[in-house]
Protein backbone atom coordinates (compact mmCIF):
# COMPACT_ATOMS: atom_id res chain seq x y z
CA MET A 1 0.00 0.00 0.00
CA ARG A 2 1.09 3.55 -0.68
CA ILE A 3 -0.04 6.55 1.33
CA LYS A 4 -0.08 10.03 -0.17
CA ILE A 5 -1.02 13.13 1.81
CA GLU A 6 -1.71 16.36 -0.06
CA PRO A 7 -2.25 19.78 1.52
CA LYS A 8 -5.53 21.53 0.82
CA ALA A 9 -6.92 24.92 1.81
CA PHE A 10 -6.89 26.24 5.40
CA PHE A 11 -5.05 23.53 7.35
CA MET A 12 -6.88 20.74 5.57
CA TYR A 13 -5.38 17.83 3.68
CA ALA A 14 -6.35 14.86 1.55
CA VAL A 15 -5.28 11.29 2.29
CA PHE A 16 -4.95 8.76 -0.54
CA LEU A 17 -4.53 5.05 0.19
CA ALA A 18 -3.36 3.14 -2.90
CA PHE A 19 -3.42 -0.68 -3.03
CA SER A 20 -1.44 -2.43 -5.79
CA LYS A 21 -3.53 -4.76 -7.94
CA GLU A 22 -0.49 -6.57 -9.36
CA HIS A 23 1.65 -6.89 -6.22
CA PRO A 24 -0.60 -6.66 -3.15
CA HIS A 25 1.10 -6.25 0.21
CA PRO A 26 0.30 -8.95 2.80
CA GLU A 27 -1.28 -6.34 5.12
CA ASP A 28 -3.59 -4.80 2.49
CA GLU A 29 -6.55 -7.00 3.40
CA ALA A 30 -6.13 -6.26 7.12
CA ILE A 31 -6.13 -2.52 6.39
CA LYS A 32 -9.26 -2.82 4.25
CA ALA A 33 -10.93 -4.90 6.97
CA TYR A 34 -10.06 -2.21 9.56
CA LEU A 35 -11.58 0.49 7.36
CA ASP A 36 -14.76 -1.60 6.93
CA ALA A 37 -15.02 -2.53 10.61
CA HIS A 38 -14.78 1.13 11.65
CA GLU A 39 -17.11 2.30 8.89
CA LEU A 40 -14.47 4.54 7.34
CA ILE A 41 -15.94 5.10 3.91
CA PRO A 42 -13.79 6.90 1.33
CA LYS A 43 -15.12 10.10 -0.22
CA ALA A 44 -14.09 8.71 -3.61
CA GLN A 45 -12.58 5.54 -5.07
CA GLY A 46 -10.95 4.74 -8.37
CA THR A 47 -7.89 3.31 -10.06
CA ASP A 48 -4.62 4.95 -11.04
CA THR A 49 -1.25 3.90 -12.42
CA PHE A 50 2.08 4.57 -10.68
CA ASP A 51 5.44 3.17 -11.83
CA ASP A 52 3.67 1.06 -14.48
CA GLN A 53 1.48 -0.64 -11.85
CA GLU A 54 -2.28 -0.34 -11.47
CA PHE A 55 -3.61 0.62 -8.03
CA ASP A 56 -7.03 0.78 -6.38
CA VAL A 57 -7.10 4.22 -4.75
CA MET A 58 -9.27 5.45 -1.86
CA TYR A 59 -9.56 9.18 -1.10
CA PHE A 60 -10.33 10.40 2.42
CA GLY A 61 -10.53 13.88 3.89
CA GLY A 62 -7.79 14.36 6.46
CA CYS A 63 -10.20 15.17 9.29
CA HIS A 64 -12.08 11.94 8.59
CA VAL A 65 -9.12 9.62 9.13
CA THR A 66 -6.58 11.52 11.22
CA TYR A 67 -7.29 10.07 14.65
CA ARG A 68 -8.76 6.79 13.46
CA VAL A 69 -6.19 5.61 10.93
CA MET A 70 -3.07 7.74 10.57
CA TRP A 71 -1.89 7.35 14.17
CA ARG A 72 -1.73 3.58 13.61
CA PHE A 73 0.80 4.06 10.81
CA ASP A 74 2.84 6.45 12.97
CA LEU A 75 3.05 3.94 15.83
CA GLN A 76 4.75 1.45 13.56
CA ARG A 77 7.55 3.92 12.77
CA PRO A 78 10.58 3.44 15.05
CA LEU A 79 11.56 6.49 17.10
CA SER A 80 15.05 7.67 17.82
CA ARG A 81 16.07 8.90 21.27
CA ASP A 82 16.16 12.49 19.97
CA GLN A 83 12.49 12.28 18.97
CA LEU A 84 11.33 11.33 22.44
CA ALA A 85 10.35 14.43 24.38
CA PRO A 86 11.21 14.49 28.08
CA CYS A 87 8.23 15.02 30.29
CA SER A 88 7.45 15.18 33.95
CA LEU A 89 4.01 14.09 35.05
CA PRO A 90 2.55 15.25 38.34
CA TYR A 91 1.72 12.44 40.70
CA SER A 92 0.44 12.08 44.20
CA THR A 93 1.68 9.78 46.92
């Protein structure tokens, strides 16, 4: 799967999820099942060609998927020590 995020007007953005028809990724079906289970319906669907491969493409508005989908992709990205922000949480004894 490929993910493309495009800026739009006034702090908005578009999210495109593209699934290869010729070389599907093993996790594609799990991602589609997650979208179905959480009733995340794309605003538009179609096909497109990238690098001589045909893809099924789903278009979502950024607000629609931000907290429900995109954070899952971010959690899978490894963090370096420099990216971890120090914090101090108040606690009571």
